[in-house]
Amino acid sequence: MAFFLQKSSLANHLRSSYRKTEGFLAEPSRAFHVELGDREKALLAEDPSLRRFKSYKKSVWRLKRIGDVLTIVVVAGCCYEIYVRAVMREEARNQAKAAGGSE
């Protein structure tokens, strides 16, 4: 009996959550385009007093690029080390088999 009560409450919960999302989907998620006002245009306009800080963006971009390159180099180096160790281990196994088979 408790199983059916739990099942029906689960179904009621799913139905109620479906109704909530149904109303949400009926409304458009994006608003209509409205032309910017004078204040918004003034805020988005280029400010000459902030022009000296533009180099900051370039230096951050360069630093980020250097970090990306260094990350790739380190990962490539790790992969190479793993490859070299695997090859050396395989050669050691082959030599051990050859030495063990000749006795």
Protein backbone atom coordinates (compact mmCIF):
# COMPACT_ATOMS: atom_id res chain seq x y z
CA MET A 1 0.00 0.00 0.00
CA ALA A 2 2.84 2.38 0.87
CA PHE A 3 4.41 1.67 -2.52
CA PHE A 4 1.33 2.94 -4.33
CA LEU A 5 1.19 6.08 -2.18
CA GLN A 6 4.84 6.82 -2.91
CA LYS A 7 4.28 6.15 -6.58
CA SER A 8 1.26 8.44 -6.78
CA SER A 9 3.04 11.24 -4.92
CA LEU A 10 5.94 10.88 -7.34
CA ALA A 11 3.54 11.15 -10.26
CA ASN A 12 1.91 14.24 -8.72
CA HIS A 13 5.33 15.82 -8.24
CA LEU A 14 6.28 15.17 -11.84
CA ARG A 15 2.97 16.60 -13.06
CA SER A 16 3.37 19.77 -10.99
CA SER A 17 6.96 20.30 -12.18
CA TYR A 18 5.80 19.79 -15.77
CA ARG A 19 3.17 22.49 -15.35
CA LYS A 20 5.76 24.89 -13.99
CA THR A 21 8.10 24.34 -16.94
CA GLU A 22 5.23 24.48 -19.41
CA GLY A 23 4.45 28.05 -18.37
CA PHE A 24 8.13 28.90 -18.48
CA LEU A 25 8.49 27.62 -22.03
CA ALA A 26 5.47 29.60 -23.20
CA GLU A 27 7.29 32.86 -22.45
CA PRO A 28 10.11 33.81 -24.84
CA SER A 29 13.50 33.63 -23.18
CA ARG A 30 14.89 36.53 -25.22
CA ALA A 31 13.46 40.00 -25.19
CA PHE A 32 12.82 42.03 -28.30
CA HIS A 33 15.66 44.21 -29.54
CA VAL A 34 15.44 47.74 -28.22
CA GLU A 35 17.63 50.50 -29.56
CA LEU A 36 20.18 51.84 -27.07
CA GLY A 37 19.52 55.18 -25.48
CA ASP A 38 21.91 58.14 -25.29
CA ARG A 39 23.17 57.14 -21.84
CA GLU A 40 23.94 53.56 -22.90
CA LYS A 41 25.71 54.78 -26.02
CA ALA A 42 27.78 57.19 -23.94
CA LEU A 43 28.74 54.40 -21.53
CA LEU A 44 29.79 52.12 -24.39
CA ALA A 45 31.74 54.82 -26.22
CA GLU A 46 35.55 54.74 -26.12
CA ASP A 47 36.97 56.80 -23.26
CA PRO A 48 40.27 58.54 -24.06
CA SER A 49 41.36 58.53 -20.40
CA LEU A 50 41.22 54.71 -20.37
CA ARG A 51 43.27 54.33 -23.55
CA ARG A 52 46.51 53.76 -21.59
CA PHE A 53 45.03 50.62 -19.99
CA LYS A 54 44.44 48.87 -23.33
CA SER A 55 47.95 47.46 -23.24
CA TYR A 56 46.89 45.52 -20.15
CA LYS A 57 44.58 43.38 -22.27
CA LYS A 58 47.38 42.59 -24.70
CA SER A 59 49.79 41.61 -21.93
CA VAL A 60 47.17 39.35 -20.35
CA TRP A 61 46.56 37.75 -23.76
CA ARG A 62 50.30 37.19 -24.25
CA LEU A 63 50.70 35.75 -20.76
CA LYS A 64 47.76 33.44 -21.35
CA ARG A 65 49.24 32.31 -24.67
CA ILE A 66 52.63 31.65 -23.04
CA GLY A 67 50.88 29.61 -20.36
CA ASP A 68 49.06 27.59 -23.00
CA VAL A 69 52.29 26.90 -24.88
CA LEU A 70 54.11 25.89 -21.70
CA THR A 71 51.25 23.56 -20.78
CA ILE A 72 51.46 21.87 -24.19
CA VAL A 73 55.25 21.54 -23.87
CA VAL A 74 54.99 19.97 -20.40
CA VAL A 75 52.29 17.52 -21.51
CA ALA A 76 54.33 16.58 -24.58
CA GLY A 77 57.41 16.05 -22.40
CA CYS A 78 55.46 13.81 -20.03
CA CYS A 79 54.12 11.76 -22.93
CA TYR A 80 57.64 11.40 -24.33
CA GLU A 81 58.97 10.24 -20.94
CA ILE A 82 56.19 7.66 -20.66
CA TYR A 83 56.94 6.44 -24.19
CA VAL A 84 60.70 6.18 -23.51
CA ARG A 85 60.15 4.24 -20.29
CA ALA A 86 57.74 1.85 -22.02
CA VAL A 87 60.24 1.22 -24.83
CA MET A 88 63.10 0.71 -22.36
CA ARG A 89 60.98 -1.72 -20.33
CA GLU A 90 60.08 -3.65 -23.48
CA GLU A 91 63.74 -3.84 -24.51
CA ALA A 92 64.69 -5.04 -21.01
CA ARG A 93 62.02 -7.76 -21.23
CA ASN A 94 63.26 -8.86 -24.62
CA GLN A 95 66.85 -9.00 -23.37
CA ALA A 96 65.77 -10.94 -20.28
CA LYS A 97 63.90 -13.45 -22.44
CA ALA A 98 66.90 -13.80 -24.75
CA ALA A 99 69.27 -14.25 -21.82
CA GLY A 100 66.92 -16.67 -20.08
CA GLY A 101 66.33 -18.72 -23.22
CA SER A 102 70.05 -19.16 -24.01
CA GLU A 103 70.86 -20.80 -20.67
